[in-house]
Amino acid sequence: MSYVWNWTQKLANIVYEYPSGHIPKGRAFGSWGGGKAAQLLMDNMHDNLSLQTRAEKIEAIGNNYYNRILNVTDFQLQVYNF
């Protein structure tokens, strides 16, 4: 249980680790936080579980519906016509 709790905390705290000037978007797909979460998980799998890992860039997933209508800019939310 403590293992799961520690990982939940690590992944949840990513929103507080954003570099200066970035708008925190949590671990949203394609955001800095998403990349940070992936790197943390890959490093853990490699270092602690001795698994070989690699990152592959995903160009598009289906319609990517939510990214089409929502965009966070300057701490504001824009909802496009849908």
C-alpha atoms as a PDB file:
ATOM      1  CA  MET A   1       0.000   0.000   0.000  1.00  0.00           C
ATOM      2  CA  SER A   2       2.827   2.414   0.793  1.00  0.00           C
ATOM      3  CA  TYR A   3       4.352   1.788  -2.660  1.00  0.00           C
ATOM      4  CA  VAL A   4       1.120   2.822  -4.397  1.00  0.00           C
ATOM      5  CA  TRP A   5       0.673   5.792  -2.052  1.00  0.00           C
ATOM      6  CA  ASN A   6       4.226   7.039  -2.725  1.00  0.00           C
ATOM      7  CA  TRP A   7       3.720   6.816  -6.494  1.00  0.00           C
ATOM      8  CA  THR A   8       0.360   8.572  -6.231  1.00  0.00           C
ATOM      9  CA  GLN A   9       2.057  11.415  -4.372  1.00  0.00           C
ATOM     10  CA  LYS A  10       4.953  11.643  -6.857  1.00  0.00           C
ATOM     11  CA  LEU A  11       2.608  11.828  -9.838  1.00  0.00           C
ATOM     12  CA  ALA A  12       0.192  14.230  -8.131  1.00  0.00           C
ATOM     13  CA  ASN A  13       2.986  16.618  -7.133  1.00  0.00           C
ATOM     14  CA  ILE A  14       4.168  17.086 -10.715  1.00  0.00           C
ATOM     15  CA  VAL A  15       1.821  20.053 -11.040  1.00  0.00           C
ATOM     16  CA  TYR A  16       3.940  21.881  -8.424  1.00  0.00           C
ATOM     17  CA  GLU A  17       7.231  21.188 -10.220  1.00  0.00           C
ATOM     18  CA  TYR A  18       6.537  23.081 -13.457  1.00  0.00           C
ATOM     19  CA  PRO A  19       9.411  25.287 -14.626  1.00  0.00           C
ATOM     20  CA  SER A  20       9.003  29.029 -14.267  1.00  0.00           C
ATOM     21  CA  GLY A  21       6.943  30.504 -17.095  1.00  0.00           C
ATOM     22  CA  HIS A  22       5.027  27.290 -17.827  1.00  0.00           C
ATOM     23  CA  ILE A  23       1.286  27.089 -17.208  1.00  0.00           C
ATOM     24  CA  PRO A  24       0.679  24.014 -15.044  1.00  0.00           C
ATOM     25  CA  LYS A  25      -1.492  21.499 -16.909  1.00  0.00           C
ATOM     26  CA  GLY A  26      -0.953  18.559 -14.569  1.00  0.00           C
ATOM     27  CA  ARG A  27      -0.064  15.406 -16.463  1.00  0.00           C
ATOM     28  CA  ALA A  28      -2.143  16.224 -19.555  1.00  0.00           C
ATOM     29  CA  PHE A  29      -1.137  14.426 -22.756  1.00  0.00           C
ATOM     30  CA  GLY A  30       1.614  16.336 -24.525  1.00  0.00           C
ATOM     31  CA  SER A  31       2.293  18.730 -21.636  1.00  0.00           C
ATOM     32  CA  TRP A  32       5.541  19.150 -19.714  1.00  0.00           C
ATOM     33  CA  GLY A  33       3.908  17.294 -16.808  1.00  0.00           C
ATOM     34  CA  GLY A  34       2.953  14.378 -19.036  1.00  0.00           C
ATOM     35  CA  GLY A  35       6.560  14.050 -20.133  1.00  0.00           C
ATOM     36  CA  LYS A  36       7.804  14.349 -16.557  1.00  0.00           C
ATOM     37  CA  ALA A  37       5.406  11.602 -15.396  1.00  0.00           C
ATOM     38  CA  ALA A  38       6.517   9.325 -18.234  1.00  0.00           C
ATOM     39  CA  GLN A  39      10.186   9.913 -17.405  1.00  0.00           C
ATOM     40  CA  LEU A  40       9.648   9.198 -13.692  1.00  0.00           C
ATOM     41  CA  LEU A  41       7.878   5.926 -14.514  1.00  0.00           C
ATOM     42  CA  MET A  42      10.474   4.872 -17.097  1.00  0.00           C
ATOM     43  CA  ASP A  43      13.356   5.645 -14.737  1.00  0.00           C
ATOM     44  CA  ASN A  44      11.701   3.632 -11.976  1.00  0.00           C
ATOM     45  CA  MET A  45      11.074   0.654 -14.261  1.00  0.00           C
ATOM     46  CA  HIS A  46      14.696   0.736 -15.416  1.00  0.00           C
ATOM     47  CA  ASP A  47      16.456   1.452 -12.111  1.00  0.00           C
ATOM     48  CA  ASN A  48      14.307  -0.514  -9.662  1.00  0.00           C
ATOM     49  CA  LEU A  49      12.805  -3.274 -11.792  1.00  0.00           C
ATOM     50  CA  SER A  50      15.688  -3.742 -14.286  1.00  0.00           C
ATOM     51  CA  LEU A  51      13.348  -3.366 -17.263  1.00  0.00           C
ATOM     52  CA  GLN A  52      14.541  -1.911 -20.539  1.00  0.00           C
ATOM     53  CA  THR A  53      12.459   1.167 -21.389  1.00  0.00           C
ATOM     54  CA  ARG A  54      12.224   3.634 -24.253  1.00  0.00           C
ATOM     55  CA  ALA A  55       9.985   6.553 -25.085  1.00  0.00           C
ATOM     56  CA  GLU A  56       8.122   6.738 -28.356  1.00  0.00           C
ATOM     57  CA  LYS A  57       6.468   9.908 -29.562  1.00  0.00           C
ATOM     58  CA  ILE A  58       2.762   9.484 -30.283  1.00  0.00           C
ATOM     59  CA  GLU A  59       1.714  11.766 -33.118  1.00  0.00           C
ATOM     60  CA  ALA A  60      -2.064  11.516 -32.749  1.00  0.00           C
ATOM     61  CA  ILE A  61      -4.609   9.489 -30.883  1.00  0.00           C
ATOM     62  CA  GLY A  62      -7.949   9.265 -32.654  1.00  0.00           C
ATOM     63  CA  ASN A  63      -9.768  12.573 -32.868  1.00  0.00           C
ATOM     64  CA  ASN A  64      -8.046  13.895 -29.744  1.00  0.00           C
ATOM     65  CA  TYR A  65     -11.470  15.421 -28.997  1.00  0.00           C
ATOM     66  CA  TYR A  66     -10.667  17.183 -25.731  1.00  0.00           C
ATOM     67  CA  ASN A  67      -7.527  18.872 -27.037  1.00  0.00           C
ATOM     68  CA  ARG A  68      -9.588  20.181 -29.945  1.00  0.00           C
ATOM     69  CA  ILE A  69     -12.092  22.088 -27.806  1.00  0.00           C
ATOM     70  CA  LEU A  70     -10.137  23.020 -24.670  1.00  0.00           C
ATOM     71  CA  ASN A  71      -6.973  25.063 -24.449  1.00  0.00           C
ATOM     72  CA  VAL A  72      -5.434  26.554 -21.314  1.00  0.00           C
ATOM     73  CA  THR A  73      -3.747  29.878 -21.977  1.00  0.00           C
ATOM     74  CA  ASP A  74      -2.527  32.410 -19.443  1.00  0.00           C
ATOM     75  CA  PHE A  75      -4.424  30.678 -16.619  1.00  0.00           C
ATOM     76  CA  GLN A  76      -7.702  31.046 -18.503  1.00  0.00           C
ATOM     77  CA  LEU A  77      -9.897  28.456 -20.143  1.00  0.00           C
ATOM     78  CA  GLN A  78     -11.076  28.785 -23.735  1.00  0.00           C
ATOM     79  CA  VAL A  79     -13.929  26.595 -24.914  1.00  0.00           C
ATOM     80  CA  TYR A  80     -14.256  26.467 -28.688  1.00  0.00           C
ATOM     81  CA  ASN A  81     -17.518  26.045 -30.549  1.00  0.00           C
ATOM     82  CA  PHE A  82     -18.367  22.344 -30.578  1.00  0.00           C
END
